[in-house]
Amino acid sequence: MGQLIYGPGSSEIEMDDRLLAHLRIVMLTKMRNHEPFSLSWRVDPSQGSGRETLWVHPSIALRFRFYGSRPPVINRAWLELMVEAANRGDLRIMPEPGAAGELLPDR
């Protein structure tokens, strides 16, 4: 498990290192280009259900904390899906497509 740490007061969002590595690539690319966007995800039922959204802006502090010692292999298809969503303005935490792409999220 890793953490996305964002903004003043440091909101800490726990997630799998593999997911975090993919989000890091997309988020840093958008921020490098000075492109604000939202990041949305579903809240686990153990934490009350629902959905959450952050407004991500290059002027707000962002930190990625990985607990694993080795970086994961990047899934190009997953990265492309995330980039498409971010380019529409709402980067969503989505399931990773399998080798044959069978878990593609609705667009």
PDB file of N, CA and C in Angstrom:
ATOM      1  N   MET A   1       0.834  -1.195   0.000  1.00  0.00           N
ATOM      2  CA  MET A   1       0.000   0.000   0.000  1.00  0.00           C
ATOM      3  C   MET A   1       0.865   1.239   0.000  1.00  0.00           C
ATOM      4  N   GLY A   2       0.452   2.235  -0.739  1.00  0.00           N
ATOM      5  CA  GLY A   2       1.135   3.508  -0.768  1.00  0.00           C
ATOM      6  C   GLY A   2       0.166   4.603  -0.374  1.00  0.00           C
ATOM      7  N   GLN A   3       0.636   5.840  -0.462  1.00  0.00           N
ATOM      8  CA  GLN A   3      -0.221   6.973  -0.117  1.00  0.00           C
ATOM      9  C   GLN A   3      -0.041   8.100  -1.116  1.00  0.00           C
ATOM     10  N   LEU A   4      -1.153   8.712  -1.471  1.00  0.00           N
ATOM     11  CA  LEU A   4      -1.162   9.967  -2.203  1.00  0.00           C
ATOM     12  C   LEU A   4      -1.431  11.024  -1.152  1.00  0.00           C
ATOM     13  N   ILE A   5      -0.505  11.956  -0.988  1.00  0.00           N
ATOM     14  CA  ILE A   5      -0.620  12.984   0.050  1.00  0.00           C
ATOM     15  C   ILE A   5      -0.787  14.307  -0.676  1.00  0.00           C
ATOM     16  N   TYR A   6      -1.903  14.988  -0.411  1.00  0.00           N
ATOM     17  CA  TYR A   6      -2.269  16.137  -1.228  1.00  0.00           C
ATOM     18  C   TYR A   6      -2.735  17.319  -0.398  1.00  0.00           C
ATOM     19  N   GLY A   7      -2.192  18.466  -0.713  1.00  0.00           N
ATOM     20  CA  GLY A   7      -2.693  19.737  -0.244  1.00  0.00           C
ATOM     21  C   GLY A   7      -2.372  20.150   1.169  1.00  0.00           C
ATOM     22  N   PRO A   8      -2.778  21.377   1.486  1.00  0.00           N
ATOM     23  CA  PRO A   8      -2.591  21.881   2.841  1.00  0.00           C
ATOM     24  C   PRO A   8      -3.395  21.012   3.802  1.00  0.00           C
ATOM     25  N   GLY A   9      -2.823  20.699   4.918  1.00  0.00           N
ATOM     26  CA  GLY A   9      -3.484  19.794   5.838  1.00  0.00           C
ATOM     27  C   GLY A   9      -3.233  18.348   5.449  1.00  0.00           C
ATOM     28  N   SER A  10      -2.595  18.150   4.316  1.00  0.00           N
ATOM     29  CA  SER A  10      -2.160  16.844   3.828  1.00  0.00           C
ATOM     30  C   SER A  10      -3.197  15.739   3.935  1.00  0.00           C
ATOM     31  N   SER A  11      -4.129  15.729   2.998  1.00  0.00           N
ATOM     32  CA  SER A  11      -5.049  14.600   2.873  1.00  0.00           C
ATOM     33  C   SER A  11      -4.236  13.398   2.435  1.00  0.00           C
ATOM     34  N   GLU A  12      -4.374  12.291   3.148  1.00  0.00           N
ATOM     35  CA  GLU A  12      -3.636  11.074   2.817  1.00  0.00           C
ATOM     36  C   GLU A  12      -4.619  10.028   2.320  1.00  0.00           C
ATOM     37  N   ILE A  13      -4.415   9.582   1.092  1.00  0.00           N
ATOM     38  CA  ILE A  13      -5.293   8.600   0.483  1.00  0.00           C
ATOM     39  C   ILE A  13      -4.471   7.337   0.250  1.00  0.00           C
ATOM     40  N   GLU A  14      -4.854   6.258   0.915  1.00  0.00           N
ATOM     41  CA  GLU A  14      -4.114   5.003   0.772  1.00  0.00           C
ATOM     42  C   GLU A  14      -4.584   4.253  -0.459  1.00  0.00           C
ATOM     43  N   MET A  15      -3.616   3.681  -1.175  1.00  0.00           N
ATOM     44  CA  MET A  15      -3.916   2.865  -2.344  1.00  0.00           C
ATOM     45  C   MET A  15      -2.744   1.954  -2.643  1.00  0.00           C
ATOM     46  N   ASP A  16      -2.997   0.973  -3.464  1.00  0.00           N
ATOM     47  CA  ASP A  16      -1.982   0.021  -3.865  1.00  0.00           C
ATOM     48  C   ASP A  16      -0.828   0.738  -4.579  1.00  0.00           C
ATOM     49  N   ASP A  17       0.407   0.312  -4.316  1.00  0.00           N
ATOM     50  CA  ASP A  17       1.575   0.913  -4.965  1.00  0.00           C
ATOM     51  C   ASP A  17       1.470   0.879  -6.481  1.00  0.00           C
ATOM     52  N   ARG A  18       0.922  -0.201  -7.024  1.00  0.00           N
ATOM     53  CA  ARG A  18       0.818  -0.334  -8.483  1.00  0.00           C
ATOM     54  C   ARG A  18      -0.099   0.753  -9.054  1.00  0.00           C
ATOM     55  N   LEU A  19      -1.254   0.939  -8.447  1.00  0.00           N
ATOM     56  CA  LEU A  19      -2.171   1.999  -8.864  1.00  0.00           C
ATOM     57  C   LEU A  19      -1.502   3.358  -8.701  1.00  0.00           C
ATOM     58  N   LEU A  20      -0.850   3.570  -7.582  1.00  0.00           N
ATOM     59  CA  LEU A  20      -0.205   4.847  -7.299  1.00  0.00           C
ATOM     60  C   LEU A  20       0.871   5.171  -8.330  1.00  0.00           C
ATOM     61  N   ALA A  21       1.619   4.168  -8.775  1.00  0.00           N
ATOM     62  CA  ALA A  21       2.660   4.390  -9.779  1.00  0.00           C
ATOM     63  C   ALA A  21       2.056   4.877 -11.096  1.00  0.00           C
ATOM     64  N   HIS A  22       0.923   4.323 -11.479  1.00  0.00           N
ATOM     65  CA  HIS A  22       0.260   4.747 -12.710  1.00  0.00           C
ATOM     66  C   HIS A  22      -0.324   6.159 -12.553  1.00  0.00           C
ATOM     67  N   LEU A  23      -0.960   6.419 -11.415  1.00  0.00           N
ATOM     68  CA  LEU A  23      -1.503   7.758 -11.163  1.00  0.00           C
ATOM     69  C   LEU A  23      -0.393   8.803 -11.163  1.00  0.00           C
ATOM     70  N   ARG A  24       0.740   8.451 -10.592  1.00  0.00           N
ATOM     71  CA  ARG A  24       1.879   9.381 -10.514  1.00  0.00           C
ATOM     72  C   ARG A  24       2.290   9.859 -11.905  1.00  0.00           C
ATOM     73  N   ILE A  25       2.394   8.940 -12.840  1.00  0.00           N
ATOM     74  CA  ILE A  25       2.798   9.300 -14.201  1.00  0.00           C
ATOM     75  C   ILE A  25       1.802  10.276 -14.819  1.00  0.00           C
ATOM     76  N   VAL A  26       0.525   9.950 -14.720  1.00  0.00           N
ATOM     77  CA  VAL A  26      -0.516  10.795 -15.320  1.00  0.00           C
ATOM     78  C   VAL A  26      -0.585  12.150 -14.625  1.00  0.00           C
ATOM     79  N   MET A  27      -0.603  12.140 -13.306  1.00  0.00           N
ATOM     80  CA  MET A  27      -0.749  13.384 -12.556  1.00  0.00           C
ATOM     81  C   MET A  27       0.438  14.329 -12.759  1.00  0.00           C
ATOM     82  N   LEU A  28       1.635  13.788 -12.723  1.00  0.00           N
ATOM     83  CA  LEU A  28       2.809  14.651 -12.900  1.00  0.00           C
ATOM     84  C   LEU A  28       2.885  15.206 -14.315  1.00  0.00           C
ATOM     85  N   THR A  29       2.453  14.434 -15.285  1.00  0.00           N
ATOM     86  CA  THR A  29       2.421  14.933 -16.666  1.00  0.00           C
ATOM     87  C   THR A  29       1.447  16.090 -16.784  1.00  0.00           C
ATOM     88  N   LYS A  30       0.243  15.929 -16.232  1.00  0.00           N
ATOM     89  CA  LYS A  30      -0.745  17.010 -16.288  1.00  0.00           C
ATOM     90  C   LYS A  30      -0.243  18.252 -15.551  1.00  0.00           C
ATOM     91  N   MET A  31       0.361  18.050 -14.397  1.00  0.00           N
ATOM     92  CA  MET A  31       0.828  19.188 -13.601  1.00  0.00           C
ATOM     93  C   MET A  31       2.014  19.875 -14.276  1.00  0.00           C
ATOM     94  N   ARG A  32       2.878  19.094 -14.892  1.00  0.00           N
ATOM     95  CA  ARG A  32       4.019  19.666 -15.610  1.00  0.00           C
ATOM     96  C   ARG A  32       3.527  20.587 -16.730  1.00  0.00           C
ATOM     97  N   ASN A  33       2.387  20.239 -17.314  1.00  0.00           N
ATOM     98  CA  ASN A  33       1.800  21.045 -18.389  1.00  0.00           C
ATOM     99  C   ASN A  33       0.862  22.129 -17.864  1.00  0.00           C
ATOM    100  N   HIS A  34       0.839  22.315 -16.540  1.00  0.00           N
ATOM    101  CA  HIS A  34      -0.002  23.325 -15.883  1.00  0.00           C
ATOM    102  C   HIS A  34      -1.480  23.135 -16.221  1.00  0.00           C
ATOM    103  N   GLU A  35      -1.931  21.878 -16.189  1.00  0.00           N
ATOM    104  CA  GLU A  35      -3.312  21.545 -16.513  1.00  0.00           C
ATOM    105  C   GLU A  35      -4.026  21.016 -15.267  1.00  0.00           C
ATOM    106  N   PRO A  36      -4.861  21.823 -14.622  1.00  0.00           N
ATOM    107  CA  PRO A  36      -5.618  21.331 -13.473  1.00  0.00           C
ATOM    108  C   PRO A  36      -6.676  20.320 -13.929  1.00  0.00           C
ATOM    109  N   PHE A  37      -7.070  19.439 -13.018  1.00  0.00           N
ATOM    110  CA  PHE A  37      -8.055  18.405 -13.325  1.00  0.00           C
ATOM    111  C   PHE A  37      -8.606  17.884 -12.003  1.00  0.00           C
ATOM    112  N   SER A  38      -9.640  17.068 -12.075  1.00  0.00           N
ATOM    113  CA  SER A  38     -10.146  16.432 -10.860  1.00  0.00           C
ATOM    114  C   SER A  38      -9.702  14.973 -10.836  1.00  0.00           C
ATOM    115  N   LEU A  39      -9.618  14.423  -9.641  1.00  0.00           N
ATOM    116  CA  LEU A  39      -9.308  13.012  -9.416  1.00  0.00           C
ATOM    117  C   LEU A  39     -10.464  12.439  -8.615  1.00  0.00           C
ATOM    118  N   SER A  40     -11.113  11.415  -9.156  1.00  0.00           N
ATOM    119  CA  SER A  40     -12.299  10.839  -8.513  1.00  0.00           C
ATOM    120  C   SER A  40     -12.126   9.355  -8.264  1.00  0.00           C
ATOM    121  N   TRP A  41     -12.788   8.875  -7.197  1.00  0.00           N
ATOM    122  CA  TRP A  41     -12.751   7.449  -6.865  1.00  0.00           C
ATOM    123  C   TRP A  41     -13.960   7.093  -6.029  1.00  0.00           C
ATOM    124  N   ARG A  42     -14.237   5.796  -5.984  1.00  0.00           N
ATOM    125  CA  ARG A  42     -15.317   5.281  -5.148  1.00  0.00           C
ATOM    126  C   ARG A  42     -14.759   4.976  -3.768  1.00  0.00           C
ATOM    127  N   VAL A  43     -15.550   5.270  -2.760  1.00  0.00           N
ATOM    128  CA  VAL A  43     -15.164   5.004  -1.379  1.00  0.00           C
ATOM    129  C   VAL A  43     -15.570   3.575  -1.032  1.00  0.00           C
ATOM    130  N   ASP A  44     -14.669   2.855  -0.424  1.00  0.00           N
ATOM    131  CA  ASP A  44     -14.920   1.475  -0.024  1.00  0.00           C
ATOM    132  C   ASP A  44     -16.069   1.427   0.985  1.00  0.00           C
ATOM    133  N   PRO A  45     -16.956   0.428   0.857  1.00  0.00           N
ATOM    134  CA  PRO A  45     -18.068   0.315   1.815  1.00  0.00           C
ATOM    135  C   PRO A  45     -17.611   0.266   3.275  1.00  0.00           C
ATOM    136  N   SER A  46     -16.415  -0.251   3.524  1.00  0.00           N
ATOM    137  CA  SER A  46     -15.913  -0.289   4.905  1.00  0.00           C
ATOM    138  C   SER A  46     -15.649   1.113   5.447  1.00  0.00           C
ATOM    139  N   GLN A  47     -15.580   2.108   4.533  1.00  0.00           N
ATOM    140  CA  GLN A  47     -15.347   3.494   4.948  1.00  0.00           C
ATOM    141  C   GLN A  47     -16.574   4.364   4.726  1.00  0.00           C
ATOM    142  N   GLY A  48     -17.717   3.726   4.524  1.00  0.00           N
ATOM    143  CA  GLY A  48     -18.957   4.475   4.416  1.00  0.00           C
ATOM    144  C   GLY A  48     -19.551   4.596   3.032  1.00  0.00           C
ATOM    145  N   SER A  49     -18.928   4.058   2.016  1.00  0.00           N
ATOM    146  CA  SER A  49     -19.416   4.111   0.634  1.00  0.00           C
ATOM    147  C   SER A  49     -19.385   5.523   0.060  1.00  0.00           C
ATOM    148  N   GLY A  50     -19.919   5.669  -1.133  1.00  0.00           N
ATOM    149  CA  GLY A  50     -19.988   6.956  -1.802  1.00  0.00           C
ATOM    150  C   GLY A  50     -18.839   7.178  -2.771  1.00  0.00           C
ATOM    151  N   ARG A  51     -18.609   8.448  -3.092  1.00  0.00           N
ATOM    152  CA  ARG A  51     -17.557   8.844  -4.017  1.00  0.00           C
ATOM    153  C   ARG A  51     -16.839  10.064  -3.469  1.00  0.00           C
ATOM    154  N   GLU A  52     -15.597  10.236  -3.892  1.00  0.00           N
ATOM    155  CA  GLU A  52     -14.829  11.423  -3.501  1.00  0.00           C
ATOM    156  C   GLU A  52     -14.149  11.992  -4.733  1.00  0.00           C
ATOM    157  N   THR A  53     -13.915  13.291  -4.699  1.00  0.00           N
ATOM    158  CA  THR A  53     -13.223  13.977  -5.782  1.00  0.00           C
ATOM    159  C   THR A  53     -12.302  15.027  -5.185  1.00  0.00           C
ATOM    160  N   LEU A  54     -11.091  15.101  -5.732  1.00  0.00           N
ATOM    161  CA  LEU A  54     -10.135  16.158  -5.390  1.00  0.00           C
ATOM    162  C   LEU A  54      -9.949  17.048  -6.600  1.00  0.00           C
ATOM    163  N   TRP A  55      -9.789  18.332  -6.388  1.00  0.00           N
ATOM    164  CA  TRP A  55      -9.385  19.228  -7.465  1.00  0.00           C
ATOM    165  C   TRP A  55      -7.865  19.298  -7.401  1.00  0.00           C
ATOM    166  N   VAL A  56      -7.207  18.899  -8.470  1.00  0.00           N
ATOM    167  CA  VAL A  56      -5.750  18.842  -8.507  1.00  0.00           C
ATOM    168  C   VAL A  56      -5.243  20.022  -9.325  1.00  0.00           C
ATOM    169  N   HIS A  57      -4.418  20.838  -8.696  1.00  0.00           N
ATOM    170  CA  HIS A  57      -3.884  22.040  -9.337  1.00  0.00           C
ATOM    171  C   HIS A  57      -2.374  22.074  -9.115  1.00  0.00           C
ATOM    172  N   PRO A  58      -1.609  22.494 -10.117  1.00  0.00           N
ATOM    173  CA  PRO A  58      -0.150  22.513  -9.980  1.00  0.00           C
ATOM    174  C   PRO A  58       0.384  23.329  -8.801  1.00  0.00           C
ATOM    175  N   SER A  59      -0.394  24.255  -8.278  1.00  0.00           N
ATOM    176  CA  SER A  59       0.087  25.081  -7.171  1.00  0.00           C
ATOM    177  C   SER A  59      -0.113  24.430  -5.799  1.00  0.00           C
ATOM    178  N   ILE A  60      -0.773  23.273  -5.760  1.00  0.00           N
ATOM    179  CA  ILE A  60      -1.044  22.594  -4.495  1.00  0.00           C
ATOM    180  C   ILE A  60      -0.055  21.448  -4.315  1.00  0.00           C
ATOM    181  N   ALA A  61       0.513  21.359  -3.123  1.00  0.00           N
ATOM    182  CA  ALA A  61       1.533  20.335  -2.832  1.00  0.00           C
ATOM    183  C   ALA A  61       0.978  18.924  -3.035  1.00  0.00           C
ATOM    184  N   LEU A  62       1.813  18.078  -3.631  1.00  0.00           N
ATOM    185  CA  LEU A  62       1.444  16.704  -3.929  1.00  0.00           C
ATOM    186  C   LEU A  62       2.646  15.809  -3.647  1.00  0.00           C
ATOM    187  N   ARG A  63       2.398  14.697  -2.957  1.00  0.00           N
ATOM    188  CA  ARG A  63       3.487  13.773  -2.644  1.00  0.00           C
ATOM    189  C   ARG A  63       2.987  12.343  -2.811  1.00  0.00           C
ATOM    190  N   PHE A  64       3.857  11.490  -3.312  1.00  0.00           N
ATOM    191  CA  PHE A  64       3.561  10.075  -3.500  1.00  0.00           C
ATOM    192  C   PHE A  64       4.466   9.296  -2.566  1.00  0.00           C
ATOM    193  N   ARG A  65       3.883   8.447  -1.733  1.00  0.00           N
ATOM    194  CA  ARG A  65       4.675   7.624  -0.822  1.00  0.00           C
ATOM    195  C   ARG A  65       4.425   6.156  -1.167  1.00  0.00           C
ATOM    196  N   PHE A  66       5.494   5.495  -1.595  1.00  0.00           N
ATOM    197  CA  PHE A  66       5.423   4.080  -1.948  1.00  0.00           C
ATOM    198  C   PHE A  66       6.030   3.268  -0.822  1.00  0.00           C
ATOM    199  N   TYR A  67       5.365   2.195  -0.449  1.00  0.00           N
ATOM    200  CA  TYR A  67       5.894   1.347   0.610  1.00  0.00           C
ATOM    201  C   TYR A  67       6.693   0.170   0.064  1.00  0.00           C
ATOM    202  N   GLY A  68       6.455  -0.191  -1.194  1.00  0.00           N
ATOM    203  CA  GLY A  68       7.221  -1.259  -1.819  1.00  0.00           C
ATOM    204  C   GLY A  68       8.592  -0.741  -2.230  1.00  0.00           C
ATOM    205  N   SER A  69       9.556  -1.632  -2.298  1.00  0.00           N
ATOM    206  CA  SER A  69      10.922  -1.210  -2.621  1.00  0.00           C
ATOM    207  C   SER A  69      11.204  -1.201  -4.123  1.00  0.00           C
ATOM    208  N   ARG A  70      10.381  -1.896  -4.911  1.00  0.00           N
ATOM    209  CA  ARG A  70      10.638  -1.954  -6.351  1.00  0.00           C
ATOM    210  C   ARG A  70       9.479  -1.335  -7.121  1.00  0.00           C
ATOM    211  N   PRO A  71       9.792  -0.528  -8.136  1.00  0.00           N
ATOM    212  CA  PRO A  71       8.712   0.044  -8.949  1.00  0.00           C
ATOM    213  C   PRO A  71       8.023  -1.039  -9.787  1.00  0.00           C
ATOM    214  N   PRO A  72       6.704  -0.957  -9.931  1.00  0.00           N
ATOM    215  CA  PRO A  72       5.988  -1.956 -10.717  1.00  0.00           C
ATOM    216  C   PRO A  72       6.186  -1.747 -12.215  1.00  0.00           C
ATOM    217  N   VAL A  73       5.925  -2.790 -12.977  1.00  0.00           N
ATOM    218  CA  VAL A  73       5.913  -2.686 -14.434  1.00  0.00           C
ATOM    219  C   VAL A  73       4.671  -1.879 -14.804  1.00  0.00           C
ATOM    220  N   ILE A  74       4.820  -0.950 -15.723  1.00  0.00           N
ATOM    221  CA  ILE A  74       3.707  -0.082 -16.108  1.00  0.00           C
ATOM    222  C   ILE A  74       2.870  -0.745 -17.197  1.00  0.00           C
ATOM    223  N   ASN A  75       1.561  -0.748 -16.993  1.00  0.00           N
ATOM    224  CA  ASN A  75       0.603  -1.280 -17.951  1.00  0.00           C
ATOM    225  C   ASN A  75       0.197  -0.139 -18.875  1.00  0.00           C
ATOM    226  N   ARG A  76       0.676  -0.174 -20.113  1.00  0.00           N
ATOM    227  CA  ARG A  76       0.443   0.902 -21.079  1.00  0.00           C
ATOM    228  C   ARG A  76      -1.053   1.145 -21.321  1.00  0.00           C
ATOM    229  N   ALA A  77      -1.829   0.068 -21.419  1.00  0.00           N
ATOM    230  CA  ALA A  77      -3.270   0.216 -21.674  1.00  0.00           C
ATOM    231  C   ALA A  77      -3.961   0.952 -20.524  1.00  0.00           C
ATOM    232  N   TRP A  78      -3.590   0.630 -19.300  1.00  0.00           N
ATOM    233  CA  TRP A  78      -4.173   1.282 -18.125  1.00  0.00           C
ATOM    234  C   TRP A  78      -3.788   2.760 -18.112  1.00  0.00           C
ATOM    235  N   LEU A  79      -2.527   3.017 -18.403  1.00  0.00           N
ATOM    236  CA  LEU A  79      -2.032   4.388 -18.445  1.00  0.00           C
ATOM    237  C   LEU A  79      -2.804   5.204 -19.482  1.00  0.00           C
ATOM    238  N   GLU A  80      -3.016   4.628 -20.657  1.00  0.00           N
ATOM    239  CA  GLU A  80      -3.737   5.339 -21.720  1.00  0.00           C
ATOM    240  C   GLU A  80      -5.176   5.642 -21.319  1.00  0.00           C
ATOM    241  N   LEU A  81      -5.837   4.694 -20.634  1.00  0.00           N
ATOM    242  CA  LEU A  81      -7.202   4.948 -20.160  1.00  0.00           C
ATOM    243  C   LEU A  81      -7.231   6.097 -19.163  1.00  0.00           C
ATOM    244  N   MET A  82      -6.246   6.114 -18.267  1.00  0.00           N
ATOM    245  CA  MET A  82      -6.171   7.193 -17.275  1.00  0.00           C
ATOM    246  C   MET A  82      -5.891   8.541 -17.935  1.00  0.00           C
ATOM    247  N   VAL A  83      -4.999   8.548 -18.906  1.00  0.00           N
ATOM    248  CA  VAL A  83      -4.669   9.798 -19.616  1.00  0.00           C
ATOM    249  C   VAL A  83      -5.915  10.329 -20.327  1.00  0.00           C
ATOM    250  N   GLU A  84      -6.661   9.441 -20.994  1.00  0.00           N
ATOM    251  CA  GLU A  84      -7.896   9.867 -21.668  1.00  0.00           C
ATOM    252  C   GLU A  84      -8.856  10.521 -20.680  1.00  0.00           C
ATOM    253  N   ALA A  85      -9.042   9.885 -19.523  1.00  0.00           N
ATOM    254  CA  ALA A  85      -9.947  10.437 -18.511  1.00  0.00           C
ATOM    255  C   ALA A  85      -9.434  11.779 -18.002  1.00  0.00           C
ATOM    256  N   ALA A  86      -8.134  11.872 -17.731  1.00  0.00           N
ATOM    257  CA  ALA A  86      -7.547  13.127 -17.234  1.00  0.00           C
ATOM    258  C   ALA A  86      -7.681  14.236 -18.281  1.00  0.00           C
ATOM    259  N   ASN A  87      -7.521  13.895 -19.547  1.00  0.00           N
ATOM    260  CA  ASN A  87      -7.646  14.895 -20.606  1.00  0.00           C
ATOM    261  C   ASN A  87      -9.074  15.399 -20.755  1.00  0.00           C
ATOM    262  N   ARG A  88     -10.044  14.595 -20.316  1.00  0.00           N
ATOM    263  CA  ARG A  88     -11.439  15.048 -20.288  1.00  0.00           C
ATOM    264  C   ARG A  88     -11.715  15.873 -19.031  1.00  0.00           C
ATOM    265  N   GLY A  89     -10.732  15.938 -18.116  1.00  0.00           N
ATOM    266  CA  GLY A  89     -10.875  16.760 -16.925  1.00  0.00           C
ATOM    267  C   GLY A  89     -11.142  15.994 -15.649  1.00  0.00           C
ATOM    268  N   ASP A  90     -11.419  14.681 -15.729  1.00  0.00           N
ATOM    269  CA  ASP A  90     -11.710  13.909 -14.528  1.00  0.00           C
ATOM    270  C   ASP A  90     -10.956  12.587 -14.566  1.00  0.00           C
ATOM    271  N   LEU A  91      -9.783  12.581 -13.959  1.00  0.00           N
ATOM    272  CA  LEU A  91      -9.004  11.360 -13.822  1.00  0.00           C
ATOM    273  C   LEU A  91      -9.705  10.492 -12.801  1.00  0.00           C
ATOM    274  N   ARG A  92     -10.052   9.268 -13.189  1.00  0.00           N
ATOM    275  CA  ARG A  92     -10.763   8.371 -12.289  1.00  0.00           C
ATOM    276  C   ARG A  92      -9.881   7.201 -11.914  1.00  0.00           C
ATOM    277  N   ILE A  93      -9.976   6.777 -10.664  1.00  0.00           N
ATOM    278  CA  ILE A  93      -9.321   5.546 -10.265  1.00  0.00           C
ATOM    279  C   ILE A  93     -10.187   4.434 -10.826  1.00  0.00           C
ATOM    280  N   MET A  94      -9.595   3.631 -11.688  1.00  0.00           N
ATOM    281  CA  MET A  94     -10.331   2.620 -12.434  1.00  0.00           C
ATOM    282  C   MET A  94      -9.617   1.279 -12.359  1.00  0.00           C
ATOM    283  N   PRO A  95     -10.340   0.198 -12.617  1.00  0.00           N
ATOM    284  CA  PRO A  95      -9.689  -1.114 -12.590  1.00  0.00           C
ATOM    285  C   PRO A  95      -8.653  -1.242 -13.698  1.00  0.00           C
ATOM    286  N   GLU A  96      -7.641  -2.025 -13.416  1.00  0.00           N
ATOM    287  CA  GLU A  96      -6.606  -2.271 -14.417  1.00  0.00           C
ATOM    288  C   GLU A  96      -7.128  -3.264 -15.440  1.00  0.00           C
ATOM    289  N   PRO A  97      -6.999  -2.922 -16.727  1.00  0.00           N
ATOM    290  CA  PRO A  97      -7.420  -3.896 -17.744  1.00  0.00           C
ATOM    291  C   PRO A  97      -6.493  -5.105 -17.724  1.00  0.00           C
ATOM    292  N   GLY A  98      -7.075  -6.286 -17.947  1.00  0.00           N
ATOM    293  CA  GLY A  98      -6.279  -7.504 -17.994  1.00  0.00           C
ATOM    294  C   GLY A  98      -5.485  -7.581 -19.287  1.00  0.00           C
ATOM    295  N   ALA A  99      -4.768  -8.661 -19.455  1.00  0.00           N
ATOM    296  CA  ALA A  99      -3.924  -8.850 -20.635  1.00  0.00           C
ATOM    297  C   ALA A  99      -4.725  -8.693 -21.924  1.00  0.00           C
ATOM    298  N   ALA A 100      -5.975  -9.157 -21.912  1.00  0.00           N
ATOM    299  CA  ALA A 100      -6.803  -9.044 -23.114  1.00  0.00           C
ATOM    300  C   ALA A 100      -7.703  -7.815 -23.068  1.00  0.00           C
ATOM    301  N   GLY A 101      -7.552  -6.983 -22.035  1.00  0.00           N
ATOM    302  CA  GLY A 101      -8.358  -5.771 -21.920  1.00  0.00           C
ATOM    303  C   GLY A 101      -9.775  -6.030 -21.464  1.00  0.00           C
ATOM    304  N   GLU A 102     -10.025  -7.161 -20.788  1.00  0.00           N
ATOM    305  CA  GLU A 102     -11.393  -7.532 -20.450  1.00  0.00           C
ATOM    306  C   GLU A 102     -12.026  -6.695 -19.346  1.00  0.00           C
ATOM    307  N   LEU A 103     -11.251  -5.928 -18.593  1.00  0.00           N
ATOM    308  CA  LEU A 103     -11.831  -5.124 -17.511  1.00  0.00           C
ATOM    309  C   LEU A 103     -11.852  -3.634 -17.835  1.00  0.00           C
ATOM    310  N   LEU A 104     -12.025  -3.290 -19.092  1.00  0.00           N
ATOM    311  CA  LEU A 104     -12.043  -1.885 -19.459  1.00  0.00           C
ATOM    312  C   LEU A 104     -13.225  -1.191 -18.794  1.00  0.00           C
ATOM    313  N   PRO A 105     -12.986  -0.048 -18.142  1.00  0.00           N
ATOM    314  CA  PRO A 105     -14.104   0.667 -17.505  1.00  0.00           C
ATOM    315  C   PRO A 105     -14.947   1.370 -18.558  1.00  0.00           C
ATOM    316  N   ASP A 106     -16.183   1.695 -18.171  1.00  0.00           N
ATOM    317  CA  ASP A 106     -17.014   2.466 -19.077  1.00  0.00           C
ATOM    318  C   ASP A 106     -16.446   3.851 -19.233  1.00  0.00           C
ATOM    319  N   ARG A 107     -16.528   4.408 -20.417  1.00  0.00           N
ATOM    320  CA  ARG A 107     -15.924   5.723 -20.710  1.00  0.00           C
ATOM    321  C   ARG A 107     -16.947   6.806 -20.752  1.00  0.00           C
TER     322      ARG A 107
END
